[in-house]
Amino acid sequence: MKKTFDKYGRTLYKFSHSVAQGGNVYIHKTATGKTIINKIGLRNALDAVSKKFKLIDPTIKIYETIIFFFFHVPNSLAPAKLIESIQKNISSFAEWDNEYVFTGVYDLQEKYIRKDLEKFGFDFGKGYK
């Protein structure tokens, strides 16, 4: 895989078989009134998922009651398998809400992630790194 940029500055992921842009974000909040315990352990668990599935350009932002996990999914990976693995690996770090969000994002560069988090009402710099 080769990373380049298009004429608008967006990241292009060039594979031997295809070209892709953008990425995905997995968002999961805790159950009402619950907080995330052991943020370091949670980050390590999400890092392990990232390595296991060879996610491209992952960014993990952990706040008191919500996580944002940005990444580009390799074409060979079924999103359902990834979501199942994420949920299994994070289950012991909080009591999680039944609902989560898995959706596409415009680009995985920090400036775009900052804008996405701002839209959701979060400050990029205030999340646990």
N, C-alpha and C. Protein backbone atom coordinates (compact mmCIF):
# COMPACT_ATOMS: atom_id res chain seq x y z
N MET A 1 0.85 -1.17 0.00
CA MET A 1 0.00 0.00 0.00
C MET A 1 0.89 1.23 0.00
N LYS A 2 0.47 2.21 -0.77
CA LYS A 2 1.21 3.46 -0.87
C LYS A 2 0.24 4.59 -0.55
N LYS A 3 0.72 5.53 0.29
CA LYS A 3 -0.10 6.69 0.64
C LYS A 3 0.36 7.89 -0.17
N THR A 4 -0.60 8.56 -0.80
CA THR A 4 -0.33 9.81 -1.50
C THR A 4 -1.47 10.77 -1.16
N PHE A 5 -1.46 11.93 -1.78
CA PHE A 5 -2.50 12.93 -1.54
C PHE A 5 -3.08 13.38 -2.87
N ASP A 6 -4.39 13.63 -2.88
CA ASP A 6 -5.01 14.11 -4.10
C ASP A 6 -4.84 15.63 -4.21
N LYS A 7 -5.40 16.23 -5.23
CA LYS A 7 -5.21 17.67 -5.45
C LYS A 7 -5.88 18.53 -4.38
N TYR A 8 -6.76 17.94 -3.57
CA TYR A 8 -7.43 18.66 -2.50
C TYR A 8 -6.76 18.43 -1.14
N GLY A 9 -5.71 17.62 -1.13
CA GLY A 9 -4.99 17.36 0.12
C GLY A 9 -5.48 16.15 0.89
N ARG A 10 -6.46 15.43 0.36
CA ARG A 10 -6.97 14.23 1.02
C ARG A 10 -6.04 13.07 0.79
N THR A 11 -5.96 12.20 1.78
CA THR A 11 -5.11 11.02 1.67
C THR A 11 -5.70 10.02 0.70
N LEU A 12 -4.86 9.49 -0.18
CA LEU A 12 -5.23 8.41 -1.08
C LEU A 12 -4.45 7.17 -0.66
N TYR A 13 -5.15 6.06 -0.51
CA TYR A 13 -4.52 4.79 -0.19
C TYR A 13 -4.51 3.97 -1.48
N LYS A 14 -3.32 3.77 -2.02
CA LYS A 14 -3.20 3.04 -3.29
C LYS A 14 -2.72 1.63 -3.01
N PHE A 15 -3.59 0.69 -3.33
CA PHE A 15 -3.28 -0.73 -3.19
C PHE A 15 -3.00 -1.28 -4.59
N SER A 16 -2.47 -2.49 -4.67
CA SER A 16 -2.19 -3.08 -5.98
C SER A 16 -3.48 -3.31 -6.77
N HIS A 17 -4.61 -3.40 -6.08
CA HIS A 17 -5.88 -3.73 -6.72
C HIS A 17 -6.91 -2.61 -6.69
N SER A 18 -6.62 -1.52 -5.95
CA SER A 18 -7.62 -0.47 -5.84
C SER A 18 -7.02 0.80 -5.23
N VAL A 19 -7.83 1.86 -5.24
CA VAL A 19 -7.48 3.13 -4.61
C VAL A 19 -8.65 3.51 -3.72
N ALA A 20 -8.35 4.01 -2.51
CA ALA A 20 -9.41 4.37 -1.57
C ALA A 20 -9.08 5.70 -0.89
N GLN A 21 -10.12 6.35 -0.37
CA GLN A 21 -9.97 7.58 0.39
C GLN A 21 -10.78 7.46 1.67
N GLY A 22 -10.51 8.36 2.61
CA GLY A 22 -11.30 8.42 3.82
C GLY A 22 -11.00 7.27 4.76
N GLY A 23 -11.95 7.01 5.62
CA GLY A 23 -11.78 5.95 6.59
C GLY A 23 -13.07 5.72 7.35
N ASN A 24 -12.93 5.19 8.54
CA ASN A 24 -14.08 4.89 9.38
C ASN A 24 -13.81 5.36 10.81
N VAL A 25 -14.88 5.48 11.56
CA VAL A 25 -14.77 5.76 12.98
C VAL A 25 -15.74 4.85 13.71
N TYR A 26 -15.25 4.29 14.81
CA TYR A 26 -16.08 3.51 15.73
C TYR A 26 -16.23 4.36 16.98
N ILE A 27 -17.47 4.66 17.34
CA ILE A 27 -17.76 5.49 18.52
C ILE A 27 -18.63 4.69 19.46
N HIS A 28 -18.23 4.66 20.72
CA HIS A 28 -19.02 3.93 21.71
C HIS A 28 -18.98 4.70 23.02
N LYS A 29 -20.16 4.97 23.58
CA LYS A 29 -20.22 5.66 24.87
C LYS A 29 -20.57 4.65 25.95
N THR A 30 -20.30 5.05 27.16
CA THR A 30 -20.62 4.20 28.30
C THR A 30 -22.10 4.32 28.62
N ALA A 31 -22.57 3.39 29.42
CA ALA A 31 -23.95 3.45 29.89
C ALA A 31 -24.10 4.71 30.75
N THR A 32 -25.29 5.22 30.84
CA THR A 32 -25.56 6.45 31.59
C THR A 32 -24.98 6.39 33.00
N GLY A 33 -24.21 7.42 33.33
CA GLY A 33 -23.65 7.52 34.67
C GLY A 33 -22.37 6.72 34.90
N LYS A 34 -21.90 6.00 33.91
CA LYS A 34 -20.69 5.17 34.06
C LYS A 34 -19.50 5.86 33.39
N THR A 35 -18.31 5.57 33.89
CA THR A 35 -17.10 6.13 33.28
C THR A 35 -16.17 4.99 32.87
N ILE A 36 -15.22 5.34 32.04
CA ILE A 36 -14.24 4.37 31.57
C ILE A 36 -13.16 4.21 32.64
N ILE A 37 -12.89 2.97 33.00
CA ILE A 37 -11.83 2.69 33.95
C ILE A 37 -10.61 2.18 33.18
N ASN A 38 -9.44 2.45 33.69
CA ASN A 38 -8.19 1.98 33.10
C ASN A 38 -8.05 2.38 31.63
N LYS A 39 -7.89 3.66 31.41
CA LYS A 39 -7.77 4.19 30.05
C LYS A 39 -6.52 3.65 29.35
N ILE A 40 -5.46 3.41 30.10
CA ILE A 40 -4.24 2.85 29.51
C ILE A 40 -4.52 1.44 28.98
N GLY A 41 -5.19 0.63 29.77
CA GLY A 41 -5.55 -0.72 29.34
C GLY A 41 -6.46 -0.69 28.13
N LEU A 42 -7.42 0.24 28.10
CA LEU A 42 -8.33 0.37 26.96
C LEU A 42 -7.55 0.75 25.70
N ARG A 43 -6.63 1.69 25.83
CA ARG A 43 -5.80 2.07 24.68
C ARG A 43 -5.00 0.87 24.17
N ASN A 44 -4.42 0.11 25.10
CA ASN A 44 -3.66 -1.08 24.72
C ASN A 44 -4.53 -2.10 24.00
N ALA A 45 -5.76 -2.27 24.47
CA ALA A 45 -6.69 -3.21 23.84
C ALA A 45 -7.03 -2.77 22.41
N LEU A 46 -7.26 -1.47 22.23
CA LEU A 46 -7.57 -0.96 20.88
C LEU A 46 -6.34 -1.00 19.98
N ASP A 47 -5.16 -0.76 20.56
CA ASP A 47 -3.92 -0.91 19.79
C ASP A 47 -3.76 -2.35 19.31
N ALA A 48 -4.08 -3.30 20.17
CA ALA A 48 -3.98 -4.73 19.80
C ALA A 48 -4.93 -5.06 18.66
N VAL A 49 -6.16 -4.54 18.70
CA VAL A 49 -7.12 -4.75 17.62
C VAL A 49 -6.57 -4.15 16.33
N SER A 50 -6.00 -2.97 16.45
CA SER A 50 -5.43 -2.29 15.29
C SER A 50 -4.34 -3.12 14.63
N LYS A 51 -3.47 -3.69 15.44
CA LYS A 51 -2.38 -4.51 14.92
C LYS A 51 -2.89 -5.84 14.35
N LYS A 52 -3.82 -6.46 15.07
CA LYS A 52 -4.36 -7.75 14.64
C LYS A 52 -4.99 -7.66 13.25
N PHE A 53 -5.74 -6.60 13.03
CA PHE A 53 -6.46 -6.46 11.76
C PHE A 53 -5.74 -5.58 10.75
N LYS A 54 -4.52 -5.15 11.09
CA LYS A 54 -3.70 -4.32 10.20
C LYS A 54 -4.45 -3.08 9.73
N LEU A 55 -5.10 -2.40 10.70
CA LEU A 55 -5.81 -1.17 10.38
C LEU A 55 -4.80 -0.11 9.97
N ILE A 56 -5.19 0.75 9.07
CA ILE A 56 -4.30 1.76 8.52
C ILE A 56 -4.62 3.11 9.17
N ASP A 57 -3.58 3.82 9.58
CA ASP A 57 -3.69 5.16 10.18
C ASP A 57 -4.66 5.23 11.35
N PRO A 58 -4.54 4.36 12.34
CA PRO A 58 -5.46 4.41 13.47
C PRO A 58 -5.19 5.61 14.38
N THR A 59 -6.25 6.19 14.90
CA THR A 59 -6.18 7.24 15.91
C THR A 59 -7.21 6.89 16.97
N ILE A 60 -6.77 6.85 18.23
CA ILE A 60 -7.65 6.50 19.34
C ILE A 60 -7.78 7.71 20.25
N LYS A 61 -9.01 8.11 20.51
CA LYS A 61 -9.27 9.20 21.45
C LYS A 61 -10.21 8.67 22.52
N ILE A 62 -9.78 8.76 23.76
CA ILE A 62 -10.54 8.24 24.89
C ILE A 62 -10.88 9.41 25.81
N TYR A 63 -12.15 9.57 26.11
CA TYR A 63 -12.63 10.60 27.03
C TYR A 63 -13.21 9.88 28.24
N GLU A 64 -13.80 10.60 29.15
CA GLU A 64 -14.30 9.98 30.38
C GLU A 64 -15.40 8.96 30.14
N THR A 65 -16.28 9.24 29.16
CA THR A 65 -17.44 8.37 28.96
C THR A 65 -17.64 7.92 27.50
N ILE A 66 -16.64 8.16 26.65
CA ILE A 66 -16.81 7.82 25.24
C ILE A 66 -15.44 7.58 24.59
N ILE A 67 -15.43 6.70 23.57
CA ILE A 67 -14.21 6.48 22.78
C ILE A 67 -14.50 6.76 21.31
N PHE A 68 -13.48 7.25 20.62
CA PHE A 68 -13.49 7.44 19.18
C PHE A 68 -12.29 6.69 18.64
N PHE A 69 -12.52 5.78 17.71
CA PHE A 69 -11.46 4.96 17.13
C PHE A 69 -11.53 5.15 15.61
N PHE A 70 -10.62 5.97 15.09
CA PHE A 70 -10.56 6.29 13.66
C PHE A 70 -9.55 5.36 12.98
N PHE A 71 -9.85 4.92 11.75
CA PHE A 71 -8.93 4.04 11.03
C PHE A 71 -9.41 3.85 9.60
N HIS A 72 -8.52 3.33 8.77
CA HIS A 72 -8.89 2.89 7.42
C HIS A 72 -8.87 1.36 7.45
N VAL A 73 -9.93 0.76 6.96
CA VAL A 73 -10.07 -0.70 6.99
C VAL A 73 -9.51 -1.30 5.70
N PRO A 74 -8.61 -2.27 5.80
CA PRO A 74 -8.16 -2.96 4.59
C PRO A 74 -9.36 -3.61 3.88
N ASN A 75 -9.32 -3.65 2.56
CA ASN A 75 -10.44 -4.17 1.77
C ASN A 75 -10.79 -5.61 2.11
N SER A 76 -9.84 -6.37 2.58
CA SER A 76 -10.08 -7.78 2.85
C SER A 76 -10.79 -8.03 4.18
N LEU A 77 -11.01 -7.00 4.96
CA LEU A 77 -11.59 -7.15 6.30
C LEU A 77 -13.08 -6.83 6.31
N ALA A 78 -13.86 -7.75 6.84
CA ALA A 78 -15.30 -7.53 6.98
C ALA A 78 -15.54 -6.65 8.21
N PRO A 79 -16.23 -5.51 8.05
CA PRO A 79 -16.46 -4.61 9.18
C PRO A 79 -17.13 -5.29 10.38
N ALA A 80 -18.04 -6.23 10.14
CA ALA A 80 -18.72 -6.91 11.24
C ALA A 80 -17.73 -7.67 12.13
N LYS A 81 -16.74 -8.28 11.52
CA LYS A 81 -15.73 -9.02 12.28
C LYS A 81 -14.90 -8.05 13.13
N LEU A 82 -14.58 -6.89 12.56
CA LEU A 82 -13.83 -5.87 13.28
C LEU A 82 -14.63 -5.34 14.46
N ILE A 83 -15.88 -4.99 14.24
CA ILE A 83 -16.74 -4.46 15.30
C ILE A 83 -16.87 -5.48 16.43
N GLU A 84 -17.08 -6.73 16.09
CA GLU A 84 -17.19 -7.79 17.10
C GLU A 84 -15.91 -7.87 17.94
N SER A 85 -14.78 -7.77 17.30
CA SER A 85 -13.50 -7.84 18.01
C SER A 85 -13.31 -6.62 18.92
N ILE A 86 -13.64 -5.44 18.42
CA ILE A 86 -13.52 -4.23 19.23
C ILE A 86 -14.37 -4.38 20.49
N GLN A 87 -15.62 -4.76 20.31
CA GLN A 87 -16.54 -4.86 21.45
C GLN A 87 -16.08 -5.91 22.46
N LYS A 88 -15.55 -7.01 21.98
CA LYS A 88 -15.05 -8.05 22.87
C LYS A 88 -13.85 -7.53 23.67
N ASN A 89 -12.96 -6.80 23.01
CA ASN A 89 -11.74 -6.33 23.65
C ASN A 89 -11.95 -5.16 24.61
N ILE A 90 -13.01 -4.38 24.43
CA ILE A 90 -13.24 -3.23 25.31
C ILE A 90 -14.23 -3.53 26.44
N SER A 91 -14.84 -4.68 26.41
CA SER A 91 -15.95 -4.96 27.33
C SER A 91 -15.59 -4.83 28.81
N SER A 92 -14.36 -5.11 29.19
CA SER A 92 -14.00 -5.08 30.61
C SER A 92 -13.59 -3.69 31.11
N PHE A 93 -13.58 -2.69 30.24
CA PHE A 93 -13.10 -1.36 30.65
C PHE A 93 -14.21 -0.39 31.02
N ALA A 94 -15.45 -0.79 30.82
CA ALA A 94 -16.59 0.06 31.18
C ALA A 94 -17.87 -0.73 30.99
N GLU A 95 -18.92 -0.18 31.52
CA GLU A 95 -20.26 -0.70 31.20
C GLU A 95 -20.71 0.13 30.00
N TRP A 96 -20.76 -0.50 28.83
CA TRP A 96 -21.01 0.20 27.58
C TRP A 96 -22.49 0.26 27.23
N ASP A 97 -22.89 1.33 26.59
CA ASP A 97 -24.24 1.47 26.07
C ASP A 97 -24.47 0.39 25.02
N ASN A 98 -25.71 0.00 24.82
CA ASN A 98 -26.02 -1.02 23.82
C ASN A 98 -25.80 -0.53 22.40
N GLU A 99 -25.88 0.77 22.18
CA GLU A 99 -25.73 1.33 20.84
C GLU A 99 -24.33 1.88 20.64
N TYR A 100 -23.87 1.82 19.41
CA TYR A 100 -22.57 2.36 19.02
C TYR A 100 -22.71 2.91 17.61
N VAL A 101 -21.69 3.63 17.15
CA VAL A 101 -21.70 4.17 15.79
C VAL A 101 -20.47 3.64 15.05
N PHE A 102 -20.69 3.17 13.84
CA PHE A 102 -19.61 2.79 12.93
C PHE A 102 -19.95 3.45 11.61
N THR A 103 -19.16 4.44 11.22
CA THR A 103 -19.50 5.20 10.02
C THR A 103 -18.24 5.66 9.31
N GLY A 104 -18.42 6.17 8.12
CA GLY A 104 -17.31 6.68 7.33
C GLY A 104 -16.92 8.09 7.75
N VAL A 105 -15.66 8.43 7.52
CA VAL A 105 -15.17 9.78 7.75
C VAL A 105 -14.45 10.27 6.50
N TYR A 106 -14.39 11.56 6.35
CA TYR A 106 -13.83 12.20 5.15
C TYR A 106 -12.36 11.88 4.94
N ASP A 107 -11.56 12.01 6.00
CA ASP A 107 -10.12 11.79 5.90
C ASP A 107 -9.58 11.50 7.30
N LEU A 108 -8.45 10.81 7.39
CA LEU A 108 -7.88 10.42 8.67
C LEU A 108 -6.72 11.31 9.12
N GLN A 109 -6.47 12.38 8.40
CA GLN A 109 -5.44 13.31 8.84
C GLN A 109 -5.93 14.03 10.10
N GLU A 110 -4.99 14.41 10.96
CA GLU A 110 -5.35 15.01 12.24
C GLU A 110 -6.27 16.22 12.09
N LYS A 111 -6.03 17.07 11.10
CA LYS A 111 -6.87 18.27 10.95
C LYS A 111 -8.34 17.90 10.70
N TYR A 112 -8.59 16.81 9.99
CA TYR A 112 -9.96 16.39 9.74
C TYR A 112 -10.56 15.69 10.96
N ILE A 113 -9.74 14.92 11.66
CA ILE A 113 -10.22 14.27 12.89
C ILE A 113 -10.58 15.34 13.92
N ARG A 114 -9.77 16.38 14.02
CA ARG A 114 -10.08 17.49 14.93
C ARG A 114 -11.45 18.08 14.61
N LYS A 115 -11.73 18.29 13.31
CA LYS A 115 -13.02 18.84 12.89
C LYS A 115 -14.16 17.89 13.23
N ASP A 116 -13.95 16.59 12.99
CA ASP A 116 -14.99 15.60 13.30
C ASP A 116 -15.30 15.60 14.80
N LEU A 117 -14.26 15.60 15.63
CA LEU A 117 -14.48 15.60 17.08
C LEU A 117 -15.17 16.88 17.52
N GLU A 118 -14.81 17.99 16.91
CA GLU A 118 -15.44 19.27 17.23
C GLU A 118 -16.93 19.22 16.93
N LYS A 119 -17.29 18.59 15.79
CA LYS A 119 -18.71 18.45 15.43
C LYS A 119 -19.47 17.67 16.50
N PHE A 120 -18.79 16.68 17.12
CA PHE A 120 -19.41 15.87 18.16
C PHE A 120 -19.34 16.55 19.52
N GLY A 121 -18.68 17.71 19.61
CA GLY A 121 -18.60 18.46 20.86
C GLY A 121 -17.41 18.08 21.73
N PHE A 122 -16.34 17.53 21.14
CA PHE A 122 -15.16 17.11 21.90
C PHE A 122 -13.93 17.85 21.40
N ASP A 123 -13.01 18.08 22.31
CA ASP A 123 -11.73 18.73 22.02
C ASP A 123 -10.69 17.67 21.80
N PHE A 124 -10.03 17.67 20.65
CA PHE A 124 -9.02 16.69 20.30
C PHE A 124 -7.96 16.59 21.40
N GLY A 125 -7.50 17.70 21.90
CA GLY A 125 -6.42 17.74 22.88
C GLY A 125 -6.80 17.26 24.26
N LYS A 126 -8.07 17.19 24.57
CA LYS A 126 -8.50 16.82 25.92
C LYS A 126 -8.77 15.33 26.09
N GLY A 127 -8.72 14.58 25.03
CA GLY A 127 -8.91 13.14 25.13
C GLY A 127 -7.64 12.49 25.62
N TYR A 128 -7.78 11.40 26.35
CA TYR A 128 -6.62 10.68 26.83
C TYR A 128 -5.86 10.11 25.64
N LYS A 129 -4.57 10.37 25.59
CA LYS A 129 -3.76 9.88 24.44
C LYS A 129 -3.19 8.53 24.74
